[in-house]
N, C-alpha and C. Protein backbone atom coordinates (compact mmCIF):
# COMPACT_ATOMS: atom_id res chain seq x y z
N MET A 1 -16.75 16.40 -39.69
CA MET A 1 -15.34 16.28 -39.43
C MET A 1 -15.11 16.23 -37.93
N GLU A 2 -14.29 15.31 -37.49
CA GLU A 2 -13.95 15.17 -36.09
C GLU A 2 -12.44 15.00 -35.93
N LEU A 3 -11.92 15.58 -34.87
CA LEU A 3 -10.54 15.38 -34.48
C LEU A 3 -10.56 14.58 -33.19
N LYS A 4 -9.88 13.47 -33.17
CA LYS A 4 -9.88 12.63 -31.97
C LYS A 4 -8.52 12.70 -31.30
N THR A 5 -8.57 12.84 -29.98
CA THR A 5 -7.36 12.81 -29.16
C THR A 5 -7.47 11.58 -28.26
N GLU A 6 -6.57 11.46 -27.34
CA GLU A 6 -6.60 10.31 -26.44
C GLU A 6 -7.92 10.20 -25.68
N ARG A 7 -8.43 11.37 -25.19
CA ARG A 7 -9.63 11.34 -24.36
C ARG A 7 -10.80 12.16 -24.90
N LEU A 8 -10.56 12.97 -25.90
CA LEU A 8 -11.55 13.93 -26.37
C LEU A 8 -11.88 13.74 -27.84
N VAL A 9 -12.99 14.35 -28.21
CA VAL A 9 -13.34 14.52 -29.63
C VAL A 9 -13.55 16.01 -29.82
N LEU A 10 -12.95 16.57 -30.86
CA LEU A 10 -13.21 17.95 -31.26
C LEU A 10 -14.06 17.85 -32.52
N ARG A 11 -15.23 18.48 -32.48
CA ARG A 11 -16.14 18.41 -33.63
C ARG A 11 -16.88 19.72 -33.75
N PRO A 12 -17.42 20.01 -34.94
CA PRO A 12 -18.20 21.24 -35.08
C PRO A 12 -19.38 21.24 -34.12
N TRP A 13 -19.76 22.43 -33.69
CA TRP A 13 -20.95 22.60 -32.86
C TRP A 13 -22.17 22.19 -33.66
N LYS A 14 -23.19 21.69 -32.99
CA LYS A 14 -24.39 21.23 -33.68
C LYS A 14 -25.63 21.45 -32.83
N PRO A 15 -26.80 21.47 -33.48
CA PRO A 15 -28.03 21.57 -32.69
C PRO A 15 -28.07 20.45 -31.66
N GLY A 16 -28.51 20.78 -30.48
CA GLY A 16 -28.50 19.83 -29.37
C GLY A 16 -27.41 20.15 -28.36
N ASP A 17 -26.42 20.96 -28.78
CA ASP A 17 -25.34 21.35 -27.86
C ASP A 17 -25.73 22.51 -26.95
N GLU A 18 -26.91 23.09 -27.16
CA GLU A 18 -27.31 24.26 -26.38
C GLU A 18 -27.33 23.97 -24.88
N LYS A 19 -27.87 22.83 -24.49
CA LYS A 19 -27.97 22.51 -23.06
C LYS A 19 -26.58 22.43 -22.42
N ALA A 20 -25.64 21.80 -23.12
CA ALA A 20 -24.27 21.72 -22.60
C ALA A 20 -23.62 23.10 -22.54
N LEU A 21 -23.87 23.92 -23.54
CA LEU A 21 -23.34 25.29 -23.53
C LEU A 21 -23.84 26.04 -22.30
N LEU A 22 -25.13 25.96 -22.05
CA LEU A 22 -25.68 26.65 -20.89
C LEU A 22 -25.09 26.11 -19.59
N ARG A 23 -24.92 24.81 -19.52
CA ARG A 23 -24.38 24.19 -18.30
C ARG A 23 -22.94 24.61 -18.03
N HIS A 24 -22.13 24.68 -19.08
CA HIS A 24 -20.70 24.89 -18.89
C HIS A 24 -20.22 26.33 -19.15
N ALA A 25 -20.87 27.04 -20.07
CA ALA A 25 -20.37 28.36 -20.46
C ALA A 25 -20.86 29.49 -19.55
N ASN A 26 -21.97 29.30 -18.88
CA ASN A 26 -22.52 30.36 -18.04
C ASN A 26 -21.77 30.40 -16.70
N ASN A 27 -20.55 30.93 -16.76
CA ASN A 27 -19.68 30.88 -15.60
C ASN A 27 -18.77 32.12 -15.62
N ARG A 28 -18.87 32.93 -14.61
CA ARG A 28 -18.06 34.16 -14.56
C ARG A 28 -16.57 33.85 -14.55
N ASN A 29 -16.17 32.75 -13.94
CA ASN A 29 -14.74 32.40 -13.90
C ASN A 29 -14.20 32.06 -15.28
N ILE A 30 -15.04 31.64 -16.18
CA ILE A 30 -14.62 31.44 -17.57
C ILE A 30 -14.62 32.78 -18.30
N TRP A 31 -15.73 33.50 -18.18
CA TRP A 31 -15.88 34.78 -18.88
C TRP A 31 -14.74 35.76 -18.56
N ILE A 32 -14.31 35.81 -17.32
CA ILE A 32 -13.30 36.78 -16.89
C ILE A 32 -11.96 36.54 -17.58
N ARG A 33 -11.77 35.37 -18.17
CA ARG A 33 -10.51 35.01 -18.81
C ARG A 33 -10.55 35.09 -20.34
N LEU A 34 -11.71 35.50 -20.88
CA LEU A 34 -11.90 35.47 -22.34
C LEU A 34 -12.19 36.84 -22.92
N ALA A 35 -12.14 36.90 -24.24
CA ALA A 35 -12.50 38.12 -24.96
C ALA A 35 -13.96 38.47 -24.66
N ASP A 36 -14.28 39.74 -24.80
CA ASP A 36 -15.62 40.22 -24.45
C ASP A 36 -16.72 39.65 -25.33
N ARG A 37 -16.40 39.14 -26.50
CA ARG A 37 -17.47 38.59 -27.34
C ARG A 37 -18.08 37.32 -26.74
N PHE A 38 -17.40 36.71 -25.76
CA PHE A 38 -17.96 35.58 -25.03
C PHE A 38 -18.84 36.18 -23.93
N PRO A 39 -20.16 36.00 -24.02
CA PRO A 39 -21.06 36.72 -23.12
C PRO A 39 -21.13 36.12 -21.71
N TYR A 40 -21.51 36.99 -20.78
CA TYR A 40 -21.86 36.55 -19.43
C TYR A 40 -22.89 37.53 -18.90
N PRO A 41 -24.00 37.06 -18.36
CA PRO A 41 -24.35 35.64 -18.29
C PRO A 41 -24.56 35.05 -19.69
N TYR A 42 -24.30 33.76 -19.79
CA TYR A 42 -24.46 33.04 -21.05
C TYR A 42 -25.88 32.47 -21.07
N THR A 43 -26.70 32.96 -21.99
CA THR A 43 -28.12 32.62 -22.00
C THR A 43 -28.45 31.59 -23.07
N ARG A 44 -29.67 31.09 -23.01
CA ARG A 44 -30.17 30.17 -24.05
C ARG A 44 -30.12 30.85 -25.42
N LYS A 45 -30.44 32.14 -25.46
CA LYS A 45 -30.39 32.90 -26.71
C LYS A 45 -28.95 32.92 -27.25
N ASP A 46 -27.98 33.12 -26.38
CA ASP A 46 -26.57 33.10 -26.81
C ASP A 46 -26.20 31.74 -27.38
N ALA A 47 -26.63 30.67 -26.71
CA ALA A 47 -26.32 29.32 -27.17
C ALA A 47 -26.94 29.06 -28.54
N LYS A 48 -28.18 29.44 -28.71
CA LYS A 48 -28.85 29.24 -30.01
C LYS A 48 -28.16 30.05 -31.11
N ARG A 49 -27.80 31.27 -30.79
CA ARG A 49 -27.11 32.13 -31.77
C ARG A 49 -25.77 31.50 -32.19
N TRP A 50 -25.02 30.96 -31.22
CA TRP A 50 -23.73 30.35 -31.51
C TRP A 50 -23.89 29.10 -32.39
N ILE A 51 -24.89 28.29 -32.08
CA ILE A 51 -25.12 27.07 -32.87
C ILE A 51 -25.53 27.44 -34.29
N ARG A 52 -26.42 28.42 -34.44
CA ARG A 52 -26.83 28.86 -35.79
C ARG A 52 -25.64 29.37 -36.59
N ALA A 53 -24.81 30.18 -35.96
CA ALA A 53 -23.62 30.71 -36.64
C ALA A 53 -22.67 29.58 -37.03
N SER A 54 -22.54 28.59 -36.18
CA SER A 54 -21.66 27.46 -36.45
C SER A 54 -22.16 26.64 -37.64
N GLU A 55 -23.47 26.53 -37.76
CA GLU A 55 -24.04 25.78 -38.89
C GLU A 55 -23.76 26.45 -40.23
N ARG A 56 -23.58 27.77 -40.22
CA ARG A 56 -23.32 28.52 -41.45
C ARG A 56 -21.82 28.69 -41.74
N ALA A 57 -20.98 28.17 -40.88
CA ALA A 57 -19.53 28.36 -41.02
C ALA A 57 -19.01 27.62 -42.25
N PRO A 58 -17.97 28.15 -42.87
CA PRO A 58 -17.40 27.51 -44.06
C PRO A 58 -16.69 26.20 -43.71
N PHE A 59 -16.39 25.45 -44.76
CA PHE A 59 -15.64 24.20 -44.60
C PHE A 59 -14.24 24.43 -45.14
N PRO A 60 -13.20 23.90 -44.57
CA PRO A 60 -13.17 23.13 -43.33
C PRO A 60 -13.44 24.02 -42.13
N PRO A 61 -14.01 23.45 -41.09
CA PRO A 61 -14.40 24.26 -39.93
C PRO A 61 -13.20 24.79 -39.16
N ALA A 62 -13.44 25.89 -38.45
CA ALA A 62 -12.40 26.50 -37.62
C ALA A 62 -12.86 26.66 -36.17
N GLN A 63 -14.08 26.24 -35.87
CA GLN A 63 -14.62 26.32 -34.51
C GLN A 63 -15.15 24.94 -34.13
N PHE A 64 -14.73 24.44 -32.99
CA PHE A 64 -15.08 23.10 -32.56
C PHE A 64 -15.56 23.07 -31.11
N ALA A 65 -16.44 22.15 -30.83
CA ALA A 65 -16.79 21.81 -29.46
C ALA A 65 -15.73 20.84 -28.94
N ILE A 66 -15.36 20.98 -27.70
CA ILE A 66 -14.50 20.02 -27.03
C ILE A 66 -15.44 19.05 -26.33
N VAL A 67 -15.41 17.79 -26.76
CA VAL A 67 -16.40 16.81 -26.30
C VAL A 67 -15.72 15.72 -25.48
N LEU A 68 -16.30 15.47 -24.30
CA LEU A 68 -15.85 14.40 -23.41
C LEU A 68 -17.05 13.52 -23.11
N ASP A 69 -16.92 12.24 -23.36
CA ASP A 69 -18.00 11.29 -23.10
C ASP A 69 -19.33 11.75 -23.70
N GLY A 70 -19.27 12.29 -24.92
CA GLY A 70 -20.47 12.67 -25.65
C GLY A 70 -21.04 14.04 -25.33
N GLU A 71 -20.46 14.77 -24.38
CA GLU A 71 -20.97 16.08 -23.99
C GLU A 71 -19.94 17.17 -24.29
N ALA A 72 -20.42 18.27 -24.89
CA ALA A 72 -19.56 19.42 -25.14
C ALA A 72 -19.22 20.08 -23.81
N ILE A 73 -17.92 20.13 -23.49
CA ILE A 73 -17.48 20.71 -22.21
C ILE A 73 -16.64 21.96 -22.41
N GLY A 74 -16.54 22.41 -23.65
CA GLY A 74 -15.77 23.61 -23.93
C GLY A 74 -15.75 23.86 -25.42
N GLY A 75 -15.01 24.88 -25.80
CA GLY A 75 -14.89 25.23 -27.20
C GLY A 75 -13.49 25.65 -27.54
N ILE A 76 -13.14 25.48 -28.82
CA ILE A 76 -11.81 25.86 -29.29
C ILE A 76 -11.94 26.24 -30.76
N GLY A 77 -11.17 27.22 -31.16
CA GLY A 77 -11.23 27.63 -32.56
C GLY A 77 -10.15 28.64 -32.88
N PHE A 78 -10.13 29.02 -34.14
CA PHE A 78 -9.17 30.03 -34.58
C PHE A 78 -9.79 30.90 -35.64
N GLU A 79 -9.22 32.09 -35.78
CA GLU A 79 -9.64 33.05 -36.81
C GLU A 79 -8.41 33.56 -37.53
N ARG A 80 -8.50 33.57 -38.85
CA ARG A 80 -7.40 34.09 -39.67
C ARG A 80 -7.31 35.60 -39.49
N LYS A 81 -6.10 36.07 -39.36
CA LYS A 81 -5.87 37.51 -39.34
C LYS A 81 -5.90 38.02 -40.78
N THR A 82 -5.84 39.32 -40.96
CA THR A 82 -5.91 39.91 -42.30
C THR A 82 -4.65 40.70 -42.60
N GLU A 83 -4.62 41.22 -43.81
CA GLU A 83 -3.53 42.09 -44.26
C GLU A 83 -2.17 41.42 -44.08
N LEU A 84 -1.26 42.07 -43.38
CA LEU A 84 0.09 41.54 -43.22
C LEU A 84 0.12 40.23 -42.44
N GLY A 85 -0.90 39.99 -41.65
CA GLY A 85 -0.95 38.78 -40.84
C GLY A 85 -1.79 37.66 -41.44
N ARG A 86 -2.01 37.68 -42.74
CA ARG A 86 -2.96 36.73 -43.35
C ARG A 86 -2.56 35.27 -43.27
N PHE A 87 -1.29 34.96 -42.94
CA PHE A 87 -0.88 33.57 -42.75
C PHE A 87 -0.76 33.23 -41.26
N THR A 88 -1.41 34.05 -40.45
CA THR A 88 -1.45 33.86 -39.00
C THR A 88 -2.91 33.71 -38.57
N ALA A 89 -3.14 32.86 -37.60
CA ALA A 89 -4.47 32.74 -37.01
C ALA A 89 -4.36 32.93 -35.51
N GLU A 90 -5.41 33.50 -34.94
CA GLU A 90 -5.48 33.63 -33.49
C GLU A 90 -6.32 32.49 -32.94
N LEU A 91 -5.75 31.77 -32.00
CA LEU A 91 -6.39 30.63 -31.37
C LEU A 91 -7.04 31.06 -30.06
N GLY A 92 -8.22 30.52 -29.80
CA GLY A 92 -8.89 30.77 -28.54
C GLY A 92 -9.58 29.51 -28.07
N TYR A 93 -9.76 29.40 -26.78
CA TYR A 93 -10.40 28.20 -26.23
C TYR A 93 -10.97 28.51 -24.85
N TRP A 94 -11.92 27.69 -24.45
CA TRP A 94 -12.44 27.74 -23.09
C TRP A 94 -12.84 26.32 -22.70
N LEU A 95 -12.85 26.06 -21.41
CA LEU A 95 -13.16 24.74 -20.89
C LEU A 95 -13.99 24.90 -19.63
N SER A 96 -14.98 24.03 -19.47
CA SER A 96 -15.82 24.02 -18.28
C SER A 96 -14.94 24.01 -17.02
N GLU A 97 -15.28 24.84 -16.06
CA GLU A 97 -14.47 24.93 -14.84
C GLU A 97 -14.37 23.58 -14.13
N MET A 98 -15.39 22.76 -14.21
CA MET A 98 -15.34 21.46 -13.53
C MET A 98 -14.31 20.52 -14.15
N HIS A 99 -13.77 20.89 -15.31
CA HIS A 99 -12.77 20.05 -15.98
C HIS A 99 -11.38 20.69 -16.02
N TRP A 100 -11.20 21.79 -15.31
CA TRP A 100 -9.89 22.43 -15.25
C TRP A 100 -8.90 21.52 -14.53
N GLY A 101 -7.64 21.62 -14.92
CA GLY A 101 -6.57 20.93 -14.22
C GLY A 101 -6.43 19.45 -14.56
N LYS A 102 -7.10 18.99 -15.60
CA LYS A 102 -7.05 17.57 -15.97
C LYS A 102 -6.31 17.31 -17.28
N GLY A 103 -5.77 18.37 -17.87
CA GLY A 103 -5.03 18.21 -19.11
C GLY A 103 -5.87 18.26 -20.37
N TYR A 104 -7.18 18.44 -20.25
CA TYR A 104 -8.04 18.46 -21.43
C TYR A 104 -7.75 19.65 -22.35
N ALA A 105 -7.52 20.82 -21.76
CA ALA A 105 -7.26 22.01 -22.58
C ALA A 105 -5.98 21.82 -23.38
N THR A 106 -4.94 21.31 -22.76
CA THR A 106 -3.68 21.08 -23.48
C THR A 106 -3.88 20.09 -24.61
N GLU A 107 -4.62 19.02 -24.34
CA GLU A 107 -4.90 18.01 -25.36
C GLU A 107 -5.65 18.63 -26.54
N ALA A 108 -6.62 19.47 -26.25
CA ALA A 108 -7.40 20.11 -27.30
C ALA A 108 -6.57 21.12 -28.08
N VAL A 109 -5.75 21.91 -27.40
CA VAL A 109 -4.93 22.92 -28.09
C VAL A 109 -3.91 22.23 -29.00
N ARG A 110 -3.28 21.17 -28.54
CA ARG A 110 -2.34 20.44 -29.40
C ARG A 110 -3.03 19.94 -30.67
N ALA A 111 -4.19 19.32 -30.50
CA ALA A 111 -4.91 18.78 -31.66
C ALA A 111 -5.34 19.88 -32.61
N MET A 112 -5.80 21.00 -32.07
CA MET A 112 -6.26 22.09 -32.92
C MET A 112 -5.10 22.73 -33.66
N ALA A 113 -3.98 22.90 -33.01
CA ALA A 113 -2.81 23.48 -33.68
C ALA A 113 -2.34 22.56 -34.81
N ASP A 114 -2.28 21.28 -34.55
CA ASP A 114 -1.88 20.33 -35.60
C ASP A 114 -2.84 20.39 -36.78
N TYR A 115 -4.13 20.46 -36.49
CA TYR A 115 -5.16 20.55 -37.53
C TYR A 115 -4.99 21.85 -38.32
N ALA A 116 -4.83 22.97 -37.63
CA ALA A 116 -4.71 24.26 -38.31
C ALA A 116 -3.52 24.28 -39.26
N PHE A 117 -2.40 23.73 -38.83
CA PHE A 117 -1.22 23.72 -39.69
C PHE A 117 -1.35 22.72 -40.83
N SER A 118 -2.06 21.64 -40.64
CA SER A 118 -2.16 20.62 -41.69
C SER A 118 -3.24 20.92 -42.73
N ARG A 119 -4.29 21.64 -42.35
CA ARG A 119 -5.41 21.87 -43.27
C ARG A 119 -5.47 23.28 -43.85
N PHE A 120 -4.69 24.20 -43.31
CA PHE A 120 -4.72 25.59 -43.74
C PHE A 120 -3.28 26.01 -44.06
N ASP A 121 -3.13 27.17 -44.66
CA ASP A 121 -1.81 27.65 -45.06
C ASP A 121 -1.14 28.53 -43.99
N PHE A 122 -1.48 28.33 -42.75
CA PHE A 122 -0.92 29.15 -41.67
C PHE A 122 0.56 28.81 -41.45
N ILE A 123 1.32 29.86 -41.15
CA ILE A 123 2.70 29.66 -40.74
C ILE A 123 2.89 30.01 -39.27
N ARG A 124 1.81 30.55 -38.67
CA ARG A 124 1.90 30.99 -37.29
C ARG A 124 0.52 30.95 -36.64
N LEU A 125 0.49 30.49 -35.39
CA LEU A 125 -0.70 30.59 -34.56
C LEU A 125 -0.36 31.45 -33.36
N GLU A 126 -1.28 32.30 -32.98
CA GLU A 126 -1.09 33.15 -31.81
C GLU A 126 -2.23 32.93 -30.83
N ALA A 127 -1.95 33.17 -29.57
CA ALA A 127 -2.97 33.15 -28.53
C ALA A 127 -2.63 34.23 -27.51
N ARG A 128 -3.64 34.98 -27.13
CA ARG A 128 -3.44 36.02 -26.12
C ARG A 128 -4.01 35.56 -24.80
N VAL A 129 -3.28 35.83 -23.74
CA VAL A 129 -3.70 35.45 -22.39
C VAL A 129 -3.73 36.71 -21.54
N LEU A 130 -4.85 36.92 -20.86
CA LEU A 130 -4.95 38.06 -19.96
C LEU A 130 -4.08 37.86 -18.73
N GLU A 131 -3.48 38.93 -18.29
CA GLU A 131 -2.73 38.94 -17.03
C GLU A 131 -3.59 38.29 -15.94
N GLY A 132 -2.97 37.48 -15.10
CA GLY A 132 -3.69 36.84 -14.02
C GLY A 132 -4.26 35.48 -14.37
N ASN A 133 -3.89 34.94 -15.53
CA ASN A 133 -4.38 33.62 -15.95
C ASN A 133 -3.19 32.72 -16.29
N PRO A 134 -2.34 32.41 -15.30
CA PRO A 134 -1.15 31.61 -15.59
C PRO A 134 -1.47 30.19 -16.07
N ALA A 135 -2.63 29.66 -15.70
CA ALA A 135 -2.98 28.29 -16.13
C ALA A 135 -3.10 28.23 -17.65
N SER A 136 -3.65 29.26 -18.26
CA SER A 136 -3.77 29.26 -19.72
C SER A 136 -2.39 29.35 -20.38
N GLY A 137 -1.50 30.11 -19.79
CA GLY A 137 -0.13 30.16 -20.31
C GLY A 137 0.54 28.79 -20.25
N ARG A 138 0.33 28.07 -19.15
CA ARG A 138 0.91 26.72 -19.03
C ARG A 138 0.31 25.77 -20.07
N VAL A 139 -0.99 25.88 -20.32
CA VAL A 139 -1.64 25.06 -21.35
C VAL A 139 -0.94 25.28 -22.69
N LEU A 140 -0.78 26.54 -23.04
CA LEU A 140 -0.16 26.87 -24.33
C LEU A 140 1.28 26.38 -24.41
N GLU A 141 2.05 26.58 -23.36
CA GLU A 141 3.44 26.13 -23.37
C GLU A 141 3.53 24.61 -23.52
N LYS A 142 2.66 23.87 -22.83
CA LYS A 142 2.67 22.42 -22.95
C LYS A 142 2.25 21.98 -24.35
N ALA A 143 1.53 22.85 -25.06
CA ALA A 143 1.08 22.53 -26.42
C ALA A 143 2.04 23.08 -27.48
N GLY A 144 3.23 23.51 -27.06
CA GLY A 144 4.25 23.92 -28.02
C GLY A 144 4.30 25.40 -28.35
N PHE A 145 3.54 26.22 -27.63
CA PHE A 145 3.56 27.66 -27.84
C PHE A 145 4.66 28.27 -26.99
N THR A 146 5.17 29.41 -27.42
CA THR A 146 6.21 30.13 -26.71
C THR A 146 5.72 31.53 -26.36
N LEU A 147 5.98 31.97 -25.14
CA LEU A 147 5.65 33.33 -24.76
C LEU A 147 6.58 34.27 -25.51
N GLU A 148 6.01 35.16 -26.30
CA GLU A 148 6.83 36.10 -27.07
C GLU A 148 6.97 37.45 -26.40
N THR A 149 5.88 37.94 -25.81
CA THR A 149 5.95 39.26 -25.21
C THR A 149 4.78 39.49 -24.27
N ALA A 150 4.98 40.43 -23.40
CA ALA A 150 3.88 40.96 -22.58
C ALA A 150 3.54 42.32 -23.15
N MET A 151 2.33 42.45 -23.62
CA MET A 151 1.87 43.73 -24.17
C MET A 151 1.25 44.51 -23.01
N ARG A 152 2.02 45.47 -22.54
CA ARG A 152 1.64 46.19 -21.33
C ARG A 152 0.39 47.03 -21.55
N ARG A 153 -0.54 46.86 -20.60
CA ARG A 153 -1.79 47.64 -20.59
C ARG A 153 -2.53 47.56 -21.92
N ALA A 154 -2.52 46.39 -22.55
CA ALA A 154 -3.15 46.21 -23.86
C ALA A 154 -4.53 45.60 -23.80
N GLY A 155 -4.97 45.19 -22.61
CA GLY A 155 -6.28 44.56 -22.48
C GLY A 155 -7.15 45.30 -21.48
N PHE A 156 -8.44 45.14 -21.67
CA PHE A 156 -9.40 45.74 -20.75
C PHE A 156 -10.48 44.71 -20.48
N LYS A 157 -10.66 44.33 -19.22
CA LYS A 157 -11.67 43.33 -18.87
C LYS A 157 -12.23 43.65 -17.50
N ASP A 158 -13.54 43.62 -17.41
CA ASP A 158 -14.24 43.78 -16.14
C ASP A 158 -13.82 45.07 -15.42
N GLY A 159 -13.69 46.14 -16.20
CA GLY A 159 -13.37 47.44 -15.63
C GLY A 159 -11.91 47.66 -15.28
N ARG A 160 -11.03 46.72 -15.68
CA ARG A 160 -9.61 46.83 -15.34
C ARG A 160 -8.75 46.82 -16.61
N VAL A 161 -7.71 47.63 -16.62
CA VAL A 161 -6.70 47.59 -17.68
C VAL A 161 -5.68 46.54 -17.27
N LEU A 162 -5.38 45.63 -18.19
CA LEU A 162 -4.51 44.49 -17.89
C LEU A 162 -3.47 44.32 -18.99
N ASP A 163 -2.38 43.66 -18.64
CA ASP A 163 -1.41 43.25 -19.64
C ASP A 163 -1.97 42.04 -20.41
N LEU A 164 -1.56 41.92 -21.66
CA LEU A 164 -1.87 40.75 -22.47
C LEU A 164 -0.57 40.04 -22.78
N LEU A 165 -0.55 38.74 -22.56
CA LEU A 165 0.63 37.93 -22.89
C LEU A 165 0.39 37.29 -24.25
N LEU A 166 1.36 37.46 -25.14
CA LEU A 166 1.23 36.92 -26.49
C LEU A 166 2.08 35.67 -26.63
N TYR A 167 1.41 34.57 -26.92
CA TYR A 167 2.05 33.28 -27.16
C TYR A 167 1.94 32.96 -28.64
N ALA A 168 2.92 32.22 -29.17
CA ALA A 168 2.89 31.84 -30.58
C ALA A 168 3.48 30.45 -30.77
N ARG A 169 3.00 29.79 -31.79
CA ARG A 169 3.57 28.52 -32.24
C ARG A 169 3.70 28.63 -33.75
N LEU A 170 4.88 28.25 -34.23
CA LEU A 170 5.14 28.32 -35.68
C LEU A 170 4.90 26.98 -36.33
N ALA A 171 4.52 27.03 -37.59
CA ALA A 171 4.30 25.81 -38.36
C ALA A 171 5.62 25.07 -38.48
N PRO A 172 5.55 23.74 -38.50
CA PRO A 172 6.78 22.98 -38.70
C PRO A 172 7.41 23.34 -40.05
N VAL A 173 8.71 23.42 -40.07
CA VAL A 173 9.43 23.72 -41.32
C VAL A 173 9.54 22.44 -42.11
N SER A 174 9.13 22.51 -43.38
CA SER A 174 9.20 21.29 -44.20
C SER A 174 10.37 21.29 -45.14
């Protein structure tokens, strides 16, 4: 399964993507903006583990490589929440630093949100942004997300307590 945008292809991760993962993901400037489950340094072992996990993922997929000119330059995906939030998914993404500021992240987030709403029963997508990352907030807003709240002192990264900004996009009403 592939999602095509104007300039990108979003597709499931596959064997052979390890080299691109190492090239683009092993970057402290990316890690500092993401959840702790995204490792740093990003090693060959991490890349292999991610590809193996992706191969075992259910269908339809919820984790995709962001591909430009045949090379994975980032990742995007979502996870369904549970219990009261079971019709909500949390969206996350990262992009190679060498491709920041070119609109690729916005393009990928728009495509992924459209896919999530069309293929799953979600009524809401959420994304959390750590304090100090205004570029990610702009990406989300350009992709139709709205800032709902600042959760004060709700995040911890790199030894610092930070605010988390909660963005959401609702499914189109039919």
